[in-house]
Protein backbone atom coordinates (compact mmCIF):
# COMPACT_ATOMS: atom_id res chain seq x y z
CA MET A 1 0.00 0.00 0.00
CA ASN A 2 1.18 3.54 -0.62
CA ASP A 3 2.76 5.52 2.17
CA VAL A 4 -0.30 7.53 3.01
CA SER A 5 1.23 9.56 5.82
CA LYS A 6 2.92 11.79 3.24
CA ASP A 7 -0.31 12.32 1.33
CA ASP A 8 -2.06 15.51 2.44
CA THR A 9 -5.19 14.86 0.37
CA ILE A 10 -8.45 15.41 2.22
CA PHE A 11 -11.56 13.56 1.04
CA ILE A 12 -14.89 15.38 1.15
CA LEU A 13 -17.63 12.78 1.57
CA GLY A 14 -20.73 14.98 1.65
CA ASP A 15 -22.75 16.94 4.22
CA GLY A 16 -19.55 18.69 5.28
CA ILE A 17 -17.91 15.41 6.31
CA ARG A 18 -14.16 15.23 5.72
CA PHE A 19 -11.86 12.23 5.89
CA GLU A 20 -8.32 13.33 6.67
CA PRO A 21 -5.97 10.39 6.08
CA GLU A 22 -3.01 12.21 7.60
CA LYS A 23 -4.89 12.58 10.90
CA ARG A 24 -6.77 9.27 10.45
CA CYS A 25 -10.12 10.74 11.33
CA LEU A 26 -13.55 11.78 10.09
CA ILE A 27 -14.63 15.36 10.88
CA ASN A 28 -18.02 17.04 10.41
CA ASP A 29 -19.01 20.72 10.25
CA PHE A 30 -19.94 20.72 13.94
CA GLY A 31 -16.38 19.84 14.92
CA THR A 32 -17.14 16.23 15.84
CA VAL A 33 -14.07 14.08 15.28
CA ILE A 34 -14.17 10.30 14.92
CA ASN A 35 -10.68 8.83 15.20
CA LEU A 36 -10.29 5.66 13.17
CA PRO A 37 -8.23 2.65 14.25
CA GLU A 38 -5.40 1.67 11.91
CA ASN A 39 -7.30 -1.04 10.04
CA SER A 40 -10.45 1.07 9.66
CA TYR A 41 -8.38 3.94 8.34
CA ARG A 42 -6.66 1.69 5.77
CA PHE A 43 -9.96 0.08 4.79
CA LEU A 44 -11.72 3.43 4.24
CA LEU A 45 -8.80 4.84 2.28
CA LEU A 46 -8.89 1.85 -0.07
CA LEU A 47 -12.66 2.20 -0.54
CA LEU A 48 -12.35 5.90 -1.35
CA GLU A 49 -9.59 5.14 -3.84
CA GLY A 50 -11.97 2.77 -5.64
CA GLU A 51 -10.83 -0.64 -4.43
CA THR A 52 -13.73 -3.10 -4.25
CA ASP A 53 -12.17 -6.58 -4.32
CA LYS A 54 -12.40 -8.38 -0.99
CA GLN A 55 -9.08 -10.22 -1.28
CA ASN A 56 -7.18 -7.10 -2.38
CA ILE A 57 -8.62 -5.18 0.57
CA ILE A 58 -7.67 -7.97 2.99
CA ASN A 59 -4.14 -8.16 1.54
CA GLN A 60 -3.60 -4.41 1.89
CA VAL A 61 -5.37 -3.74 5.21
CA TRP A 62 -3.87 -6.72 7.00
CA HIS A 63 -0.60 -6.80 5.03
CA GLU A 64 1.48 -7.63 8.11
CA GLN A 65 -0.52 -10.88 8.44
CA ARG A 66 -0.02 -11.55 4.74
CA GLY A 67 -3.75 -11.70 4.06
CA SER A 68 -4.41 -14.61 6.40
CA VAL A 69 -7.44 -13.01 7.99
CA SER A 70 -10.80 -14.51 8.80
CA ASP A 71 -13.99 -13.33 7.17
CA SER A 72 -15.20 -12.17 10.57
CA SER A 73 -12.33 -9.65 10.78
CA TYR A 74 -13.15 -8.36 7.31
CA TYR A 75 -16.86 -8.00 8.02
CA GLY A 76 -16.07 -6.59 11.46
CA GLN A 77 -14.16 -3.75 9.79
CA ILE A 78 -17.11 -3.06 7.51
CA TYR A 79 -19.37 -2.93 10.57
CA MET A 80 -16.98 -0.57 12.40
CA LEU A 81 -16.77 1.76 9.39
CA ARG A 82 -20.55 1.87 9.10
CA LYS A 83 -20.81 2.70 12.81
CA SER A 84 -18.22 5.48 12.39
CA PHE A 85 -20.24 6.85 9.46
CA GLU A 86 -23.41 6.90 11.56
CA GLN A 87 -21.61 8.62 14.44
CA ILE A 88 -20.31 11.38 12.18
CA GLY A 89 -23.64 11.86 10.37
CA LEU A 90 -23.19 9.87 7.15
CA SER A 91 -25.48 7.07 6.03
CA SER A 92 -24.07 3.60 6.65
CA ALA A 93 -25.67 2.64 3.32
CA PHE A 94 -22.75 4.39 1.60
CA ILE A 95 -20.74 1.23 2.31
CA LYS A 96 -22.38 -1.46 0.21
CA THR A 97 -21.44 -5.12 0.35
CA ILE A 98 -21.13 -6.74 -3.06
CA PRO A 99 -22.01 -10.43 -2.53
CA ARG A 100 -19.10 -12.83 -3.18
CA LYS A 101 -16.94 -9.99 -4.54
CA GLY A 102 -16.22 -7.33 -1.95
CA VAL A 103 -17.45 -3.95 -0.84
CA LYS A 104 -17.90 -0.53 -2.44
CA TYR A 105 -18.24 3.07 -1.28
CA MET A 106 -21.44 4.38 -2.91
CA GLY A 107 -21.33 8.07 -1.99
CA SER A 108 -19.69 10.91 -3.84
CA VAL A 109 -16.02 11.56 -3.11
CA LEU A 110 -14.08 14.69 -3.83
CA ARG A 111 -10.41 15.08 -3.06
CA GLU A 112 -9.51 18.52 -1.76
CA LYS A 113 -6.53 18.75 -4.12
CA GLU A 114 -8.79 17.95 -7.11
CA PHE A 115 -11.38 20.43 -5.93
CA LEU A 116 -8.85 23.22 -5.52
CA SER A 117 -7.27 22.56 -8.91
CA VAL A 118 -10.68 22.51 -10.62
CA SER A 119 -11.90 25.68 -8.92
CA ASN A 120 -8.68 27.56 -9.66
CA SER A 121 -8.54 26.56 -13.32
CA GLU A 122 -9.39 28.93 -16.14
CA GLU A 123 -12.40 26.86 -17.19
CA LYS A 124 -15.11 27.97 -14.76
CA THR A 125 -18.02 26.11 -16.40
CA PRO A 126 -16.79 22.55 -15.58
CA ALA A 127 -15.91 23.64 -12.05
CA LEU A 128 -19.34 25.18 -11.58
CA SER A 129 -21.08 22.01 -12.71
CA LEU A 130 -18.83 19.90 -10.44
CA ALA A 131 -19.45 22.14 -7.44
CA THR A 132 -23.18 22.23 -8.11
CA SER A 133 -23.38 18.45 -8.50
CA ILE A 134 -21.94 17.92 -5.02
CA GLY A 135 -24.06 20.62 -3.41
CA MET A 136 -21.34 23.23 -3.07
CA GLY A 137 -22.48 25.82 -5.60
CA ASP A 138 -20.82 28.73 -3.82
CA ALA A 139 -17.56 26.81 -3.43
CA LEU A 140 -15.92 28.53 -6.39
CA THR A 141 -15.63 31.80 -4.54
CA SER A 142 -14.10 30.35 -1.38
CA PRO A 143 -13.48 26.58 -1.49
CA LEU A 144 -11.67 26.33 1.83
CA GLU A 145 -14.41 28.15 3.71
CA ASN A 146 -16.89 25.43 2.76
CA ILE A 147 -14.76 22.65 4.20
CA GLY A 148 -14.04 24.38 7.48
CA TYR A 149 -10.45 25.58 7.17
CA THR A 150 -11.01 29.31 7.52
CA HIS A 151 -12.93 31.48 9.90
CA ARG A 152 -16.65 31.12 9.28
CA LYS A 153 -19.07 33.99 9.50
CA GLU A 154 -22.05 31.78 10.28
CA SER A 155 -22.54 29.87 13.49
CA SER A 156 -20.66 26.63 14.12
CA ASN A 157 -23.71 24.48 13.45
CA SER A 158 -24.16 25.85 9.89
CA GLY A 159 -27.76 26.92 10.33
CA LYS A 160 -29.07 23.57 11.57
CA GLU A 161 -31.22 23.69 14.65
CA TRP A 162 -30.11 21.52 17.56
CA TYR A 163 -33.29 19.45 17.39
CA HIS A 164 -32.40 18.38 13.83
CA SER A 165 -29.07 16.92 14.91
CA ARG A 166 -28.37 13.21 14.83
CA ARG A 167 -27.54 13.13 18.54
CA TRP A 168 -30.92 14.60 19.43
CA ASN A 169 -32.71 12.04 17.23
CA VAL A 170 -30.80 9.18 18.87
CA PHE A 171 -31.60 10.56 22.33
CA ILE A 172 -35.32 10.79 21.54
CA SER A 173 -35.32 7.29 20.05
CA VAL A 174 -33.68 5.81 23.16
CA LEU A 175 -36.02 7.73 25.42
CA SER A 176 -39.04 6.48 23.45
CA LEU A 177 -37.80 2.89 23.64
CA LEU A 178 -37.34 3.17 27.40
CA ALA A 179 -40.83 4.63 27.77
CA VAL A 180 -42.37 1.78 25.77
CA CYS A 181 -40.48 -0.80 27.86
CA TRP A 182 -41.54 0.85 31.11
CA ILE A 183 -45.20 1.06 30.06
CA SER A 184 -45.18 -2.55 28.85
CA THR A 185 -43.74 -3.70 32.17
CA LEU A 186 -46.32 -1.68 34.07
CA VAL A 187 -49.19 -3.19 32.04
CA ILE A 188 -47.88 -6.72 32.65
CA VAL A 189 -47.59 -6.09 36.39
CA VAL A 190 -51.14 -4.70 36.55
CA ILE A 191 -52.53 -7.65 34.59
CA LEU A 192 -50.75 -10.15 36.87
CA PHE A 193 -51.94 -8.29 39.97
CA PHE A 194 -55.60 -8.37 38.93
CA ALA A 195 -55.38 -11.97 37.63
CA LYS A 196 -54.90 -13.32 41.16
């Protein structure tokens, strides 16, 4: 595998989510950072570079074990990456298993270096269509501002209300589940009490 530590490319995965291979982490617009373990970092980097073959991924992620890795380790890494995606605010469906072949990243990927070279080129029309297609129409005027590297004029949560955040939705879901369990237990106790 390439020596990635020297590569300062940053991948933009959508919804303001960045994968920074040099720091081995996922970062969203709210400042949430998900640090990736070594194997998860290698696995994600391969997916974003277009690798889909299961055996090639195993050979490169677990190269020190010379590819002698169980299927459970391979699928465990897929599970961990999907969990990391959910924690940072990306859909876990972006990592799609291809039966009997491997796995593929299904979302859009933009490398920061590519983005900067496209937006700084003399041909503005292709850059505009690229930026518009990934939902960053105003990126041509200030590309770094959109990925969080300069001072932002807007608030840190980019206009999203707190009750639209993923954490709030998870909290409400857990609270609802606990309420249903508590009410179910109460109903069972009342039924058993009156049955005697």
